[in-house]
Amino acid sequence: MHTFLKKHLAEYSTCCLEDCPNELCYVEVPLRVAPDPSKMSYESSGISPKFSRVRIARSVPVITETDSQTESRAANASNKQLSIQWYLPSLAKPSDDTETKILLLYAYNTKPVKISNMKIFSSVSVFSGYLWIPLVRVISLQEELSNLKQQVEILMQSSRSLSSASEIASFPEQSETLKIIPSTKAKMNIAKVPLDEKTEEMAKRCLSEVQALLSLVPALSSPLTEIPFDITLQSIAALESMFDPANGCVITEESLFNWITSLLQ
């Protein structure tokens, strides 16, 4: 991972350690084969980034200890996935450093991927990159998304209560059975939630801010007049996790995945 990030992420290469810490030299290596720490040093590129966005889709050779370890680290993705991680470097800063910014690191695949050999891997359907985003706007958006999720949960609960009341009135003998179906909650999470006017406006404001933060030129991003995907509890919860700078997330829901990746292209 150290080698990959140093080679492909200029922000990382300019602020990482010259030599890998000795403690990390023994990660995933049998104790009987202690690596030479001197072999773990790398050159620092010292190149300052000129752009705020990078996309990588190329062959990435990786040196591994044994074939078995290579196989154990192989990655498979049977469906589309978008992985998000936040990083606040202590040294590297964007060229227009007028406020505190945080790095959004992302990687996604547009087709199923199976990496059986990390030494030789090339795919035109796997992309990665990063964006510098103002930290204060990320925190503010995360709070707004949290409020939106609570509002969606309230609407879901109201809808479920009305539905349950109707079913109990029609089939009173089945009311207890309906309460204990284990798949009911999961189905509710992915069901489209009918929005009232207040919640719809909240959603448009949040999604407009998401679009602005992920756009190459945020100032040219226009507010949304329509919601670009079906609002479900699962999709809003995924967005809230995505903009939580203390954590990362993986997005697999198709309509949300398609919208987010369209902004990153």
Protein backbone atom coordinates (compact mmCIF):
# COMPACT_ATOMS: atom_id res chain seq x y z
CA MET A 1 0.00 0.00 0.00
CA HIS A 2 2.89 2.37 0.87
CA THR A 3 4.48 1.72 -2.52
CA PHE A 4 1.22 2.18 -4.43
CA LEU A 5 0.27 5.44 -2.71
CA LYS A 6 3.76 6.85 -3.07
CA LYS A 7 3.81 6.07 -6.79
CA HIS A 8 0.31 7.19 -7.74
CA LEU A 9 -0.69 9.85 -5.19
CA ALA A 10 1.50 12.94 -5.30
CA GLU A 11 0.00 14.30 -2.07
CA TYR A 12 1.11 11.18 -0.22
CA SER A 13 4.59 11.09 -1.74
CA THR A 14 5.37 14.65 -0.66
CA CYS A 15 4.54 14.15 3.01
CA CYS A 16 5.21 10.46 3.78
CA LEU A 17 8.25 9.18 5.61
CA GLU A 18 11.48 8.60 3.68
CA ASP A 19 11.87 5.18 5.30
CA CYS A 20 9.06 2.86 6.22
CA PRO A 21 8.86 2.41 10.05
CA ASN A 22 10.52 -0.81 11.20
CA GLU A 23 7.26 -1.97 12.79
CA LEU A 24 5.58 -2.01 9.37
CA CYS A 25 8.33 -4.04 7.76
CA TYR A 26 7.00 -7.18 9.42
CA VAL A 27 3.34 -6.78 8.45
CA GLU A 28 2.07 -9.84 6.55
CA VAL A 29 5.58 -11.36 6.56
CA PRO A 30 6.39 -14.60 8.47
CA LEU A 31 8.52 -13.92 11.54
CA ARG A 32 11.18 -16.35 10.35
CA VAL A 33 11.81 -14.18 7.29
CA ALA A 34 12.66 -10.74 8.66
CA PRO A 35 12.99 -8.24 5.82
CA ASP A 36 15.90 -5.83 5.60
CA PRO A 37 14.57 -2.36 6.59
CA SER A 38 17.11 -0.76 4.26
CA LYS A 39 15.22 -2.27 1.33
CA MET A 40 12.04 -0.52 2.40
CA SER A 41 13.25 3.04 1.67
CA TYR A 42 11.77 4.96 -1.18
CA GLU A 43 12.56 8.17 -2.99
CA SER A 44 10.34 11.13 -2.40
CA SER A 45 9.11 12.64 -5.63
CA GLY A 46 8.96 16.19 -4.25
CA ILE A 47 6.49 17.14 -7.01
CA SER A 48 3.68 19.48 -5.99
CA PRO A 49 0.26 18.66 -7.51
CA LYS A 50 -1.13 21.06 -10.10
CA PHE A 51 -4.63 19.66 -10.25
CA SER A 52 -7.23 18.86 -7.61
CA ARG A 53 -8.45 15.72 -9.36
CA VAL A 54 -6.68 12.58 -10.54
CA ARG A 55 -8.09 9.47 -12.18
CA ILE A 56 -6.05 6.28 -12.51
CA ALA A 57 -6.90 3.37 -14.81
CA ARG A 58 -3.70 1.54 -15.58
CA SER A 59 -1.65 -1.57 -14.95
CA VAL A 60 -0.32 -1.55 -11.38
CA PRO A 61 2.53 -4.01 -10.73
CA VAL A 62 2.91 -5.01 -7.08
CA ILE A 63 5.81 -6.97 -5.62
CA THR A 64 4.71 -9.63 -3.15
CA GLU A 65 6.53 -12.20 -1.05
CA THR A 66 4.92 -15.42 -2.23
CA ASP A 67 2.21 -16.54 -4.62
CA SER A 68 0.05 -17.64 -1.69
CA GLN A 69 0.27 -14.20 -0.09
CA THR A 70 -0.48 -12.60 -3.44
CA GLU A 71 -3.61 -14.72 -3.78
CA SER A 72 -4.72 -13.92 -0.21
CA ARG A 73 -4.58 -10.19 -0.97
CA ALA A 74 -6.47 -10.48 -4.27
CA ALA A 75 -9.69 -8.49 -4.48
CA ASN A 76 -13.00 -9.41 -6.02
CA ALA A 77 -16.00 -7.19 -6.73
CA SER A 78 -18.99 -8.99 -8.17
CA ASN A 79 -20.93 -5.73 -8.55
CA LYS A 80 -20.28 -2.01 -8.96
CA GLN A 81 -18.67 -0.50 -5.88
CA LEU A 82 -17.55 2.99 -4.88
CA SER A 83 -15.10 3.17 -1.98
CA ILE A 84 -14.64 6.45 -0.12
CA GLN A 85 -11.95 7.42 2.41
CA TRP A 86 -11.06 10.79 3.97
CA TYR A 87 -7.53 11.91 4.75
CA LEU A 88 -6.26 15.12 6.38
CA PRO A 89 -2.49 15.29 5.71
CA SER A 90 -0.40 17.23 8.18
CA LEU A 91 2.02 18.65 5.60
CA ALA A 92 0.58 18.57 2.08
CA LYS A 93 -1.77 21.39 1.20
CA PRO A 94 -3.59 22.38 -2.01
CA SER A 95 -2.09 25.18 -4.08
CA ASP A 96 -5.01 27.52 -3.28
CA ASP A 97 -4.73 26.99 0.47
CA THR A 98 -7.04 29.71 1.77
CA GLU A 99 -8.98 27.48 4.17
CA THR A 100 -8.61 24.08 5.83
CA LYS A 101 -9.28 21.34 3.27
CA ILE A 102 -9.48 17.58 3.51
CA LEU A 103 -8.69 14.96 0.87
CA LEU A 104 -11.49 12.80 -0.46
CA LEU A 105 -9.90 9.59 -1.81
CA TYR A 106 -12.11 7.46 -4.02
CA ALA A 107 -11.97 4.30 -6.12
CA TYR A 108 -14.73 2.61 -8.08
CA ASN A 109 -15.32 -0.14 -10.63
CA THR A 110 -17.96 0.07 -13.34
CA LYS A 111 -17.92 -3.66 -14.11
CA PRO A 112 -17.37 -6.79 -12.01
CA VAL A 113 -13.68 -7.23 -11.20
CA LYS A 114 -11.73 -10.28 -10.16
CA ILE A 115 -8.06 -9.78 -9.34
CA SER A 116 -6.48 -13.20 -9.03
CA ASN A 117 -2.89 -12.06 -9.48
CA MET A 118 -1.81 -8.69 -8.12
CA LYS A 119 1.54 -8.90 -9.95
CA ILE A 120 -0.24 -8.52 -13.29
CA PHE A 121 -3.44 -6.49 -13.21
CA SER A 122 -4.93 -4.13 -15.75
CA SER A 123 -8.51 -3.00 -16.04
CA VAL A 124 -10.20 -0.19 -17.92
CA SER A 125 -13.22 -0.40 -15.61
CA VAL A 126 -11.42 0.56 -12.37
CA PHE A 127 -10.79 4.22 -11.52
CA SER A 128 -9.42 6.14 -8.56
CA GLY A 129 -8.56 9.70 -7.65
CA TYR A 130 -8.88 12.43 -5.06
CA LEU A 131 -10.45 15.82 -4.41
CA TRP A 132 -9.54 18.65 -2.05
CA ILE A 133 -12.75 19.72 -0.25
CA PRO A 134 -13.22 22.44 2.41
CA LEU A 135 -13.49 20.68 5.76
CA VAL A 136 -16.11 23.07 7.19
CA ARG A 137 -18.45 22.36 4.25
CA VAL A 138 -18.02 18.59 4.67
CA ILE A 139 -18.95 18.80 8.36
CA SER A 140 -21.93 21.06 7.61
CA LEU A 141 -23.19 18.74 4.86
CA GLN A 142 -22.83 15.69 7.09
CA GLU A 143 -25.03 17.37 9.72
CA GLU A 144 -27.66 18.25 7.11
CA LEU A 145 -27.65 14.68 5.79
CA SER A 146 -28.08 13.39 9.33
CA ASN A 147 -31.16 15.61 9.75
CA LEU A 148 -32.47 14.44 6.38
CA LYS A 149 -32.05 10.79 7.40
CA GLN A 150 -34.03 11.41 10.59
CA GLN A 151 -36.82 13.04 8.58
CA VAL A 152 -36.88 10.10 6.15
CA GLU A 153 -37.10 7.69 9.09
CA ILE A 154 -40.08 9.64 10.46
CA LEU A 155 -41.85 9.46 7.10
CA MET A 156 -41.10 5.73 6.87
CA GLN A 157 -42.48 5.13 10.35
CA SER A 158 -45.66 7.05 9.54
CA SER A 159 -46.10 5.13 6.29
CA ARG A 160 -45.49 1.80 8.01
CA SER A 161 -47.94 2.64 10.80
CA LEU A 162 -50.68 3.44 8.31
CA SER A 163 -49.93 0.30 6.32
CA SER A 164 -49.91 -1.90 9.44
CA ALA A 165 -53.17 -0.40 10.68
CA SER A 166 -54.81 -1.15 7.34
CA GLU A 167 -53.52 -4.74 7.29
CA ILE A 168 -54.61 -5.40 10.89
CA ALA A 169 -58.08 -4.07 10.15
CA SER A 170 -58.37 -6.36 7.11
CA PHE A 171 -56.67 -9.47 8.62
CA PRO A 172 -56.72 -9.22 12.45
CA GLU A 173 -55.73 -12.88 12.87
CA GLN A 174 -52.47 -12.21 10.97
CA SER A 175 -51.46 -9.06 12.86
CA GLU A 176 -48.99 -10.83 15.19
CA THR A 177 -47.41 -12.72 12.28
CA LEU A 178 -46.86 -9.50 10.34
CA LYS A 179 -44.95 -7.98 13.27
CA ILE A 180 -42.24 -10.66 13.33
CA ILE A 181 -41.33 -11.10 9.68
CA PRO A 182 -37.51 -10.67 9.75
CA SER A 183 -37.21 -9.40 6.19
CA THR A 184 -39.71 -6.57 6.66
CA LYS A 185 -37.20 -4.05 8.04
CA ALA A 186 -34.66 -4.77 5.29
CA LYS A 187 -37.30 -4.30 2.61
CA MET A 188 -38.37 -1.01 4.18
CA ASN A 189 -34.79 0.30 4.07
CA ILE A 190 -34.57 -0.08 0.29
CA ALA A 191 -38.14 0.97 -0.46
CA LYS A 192 -38.69 4.37 -2.06
CA VAL A 193 -39.92 6.85 0.52
CA PRO A 194 -42.73 9.24 -0.51
CA LEU A 195 -41.50 12.71 0.47
CA ASP A 196 -43.53 15.63 1.71
CA GLU A 197 -42.70 19.13 0.45
CA LYS A 198 -40.43 20.00 3.41
CA THR A 199 -38.36 16.82 3.13
CA GLU A 200 -38.08 17.13 -0.65
CA GLU A 201 -36.64 20.64 -0.30
CA MET A 202 -34.20 19.36 2.35
CA ALA A 203 -33.10 16.60 -0.03
CA LYS A 204 -32.59 19.02 -2.93
CA ARG A 205 -30.44 21.33 -0.78
CA CYS A 206 -28.28 18.46 0.45
CA LEU A 207 -27.84 16.89 -2.98
CA SER A 208 -27.07 20.28 -4.55
CA GLU A 209 -24.26 20.69 -2.03
CA VAL A 210 -23.00 17.17 -2.77
CA GLN A 211 -22.96 18.04 -6.48
CA ALA A 212 -21.09 21.29 -5.81
CA LEU A 213 -18.43 19.65 -3.64
CA LEU A 214 -17.76 16.87 -6.16
CA SER A 215 -17.76 19.13 -9.22
CA LEU A 216 -14.52 20.20 -10.86
CA VAL A 217 -15.68 23.84 -10.77
CA PRO A 218 -18.04 24.15 -7.75
CA ALA A 219 -18.94 27.77 -8.55
CA LEU A 220 -20.50 26.67 -11.86
CA SER A 221 -22.65 23.98 -10.26
CA SER A 222 -26.37 24.82 -10.45
CA PRO A 223 -28.83 23.85 -7.69
CA LEU A 224 -30.83 20.72 -8.44
CA THR A 225 -34.44 21.12 -9.47
CA GLU A 226 -35.12 17.37 -9.35
CA ILE A 227 -33.84 14.57 -7.13
CA PRO A 228 -31.52 12.44 -9.32
CA PHE A 229 -32.25 9.08 -7.66
CA ASP A 230 -34.90 7.34 -5.57
CA ILE A 231 -34.77 8.45 -1.94
CA THR A 232 -34.55 5.43 0.36
CA LEU A 233 -33.32 5.12 3.92
CA GLN A 234 -30.38 3.08 2.62
CA SER A 235 -29.31 5.71 0.07
CA ILE A 236 -29.50 8.62 2.53
CA ALA A 237 -27.66 6.63 5.20
CA ALA A 238 -24.94 5.86 2.62
CA LEU A 239 -24.59 9.55 1.75
CA GLU A 240 -24.37 10.47 5.42
CA SER A 241 -21.57 7.92 5.89
CA MET A 242 -19.85 9.13 2.73
CA PHE A 243 -19.50 12.67 4.10
CA ASP A 244 -18.46 11.66 7.60
CA PRO A 245 -14.77 12.72 7.62
CA ALA A 246 -14.01 10.38 10.52
CA ASN A 247 -14.95 7.30 8.50
CA GLY A 248 -15.08 5.83 5.02
CA CYS A 249 -17.80 3.90 3.25
CA VAL A 250 -18.61 1.63 0.31
CA ILE A 251 -21.56 2.52 -1.92
CA THR A 252 -23.21 -0.26 -3.92
CA GLU A 253 -26.78 1.00 -4.40
CA GLU A 254 -27.01 1.35 -8.19
CA SER A 255 -28.85 4.65 -8.69
CA LEU A 256 -26.77 6.42 -6.03
CA PHE A 257 -23.57 4.86 -7.42
CA ASN A 258 -24.38 6.04 -10.95
CA TRP A 259 -25.07 9.60 -9.81
CA ILE A 260 -21.96 9.96 -7.63
CA THR A 261 -19.60 8.46 -10.24
CA SER A 262 -21.08 10.72 -12.94
CA LEU A 263 -19.93 13.69 -10.83
CA LEU A 264 -16.44 12.23 -10.40
CA GLN A 265 -15.84 11.68 -14.11
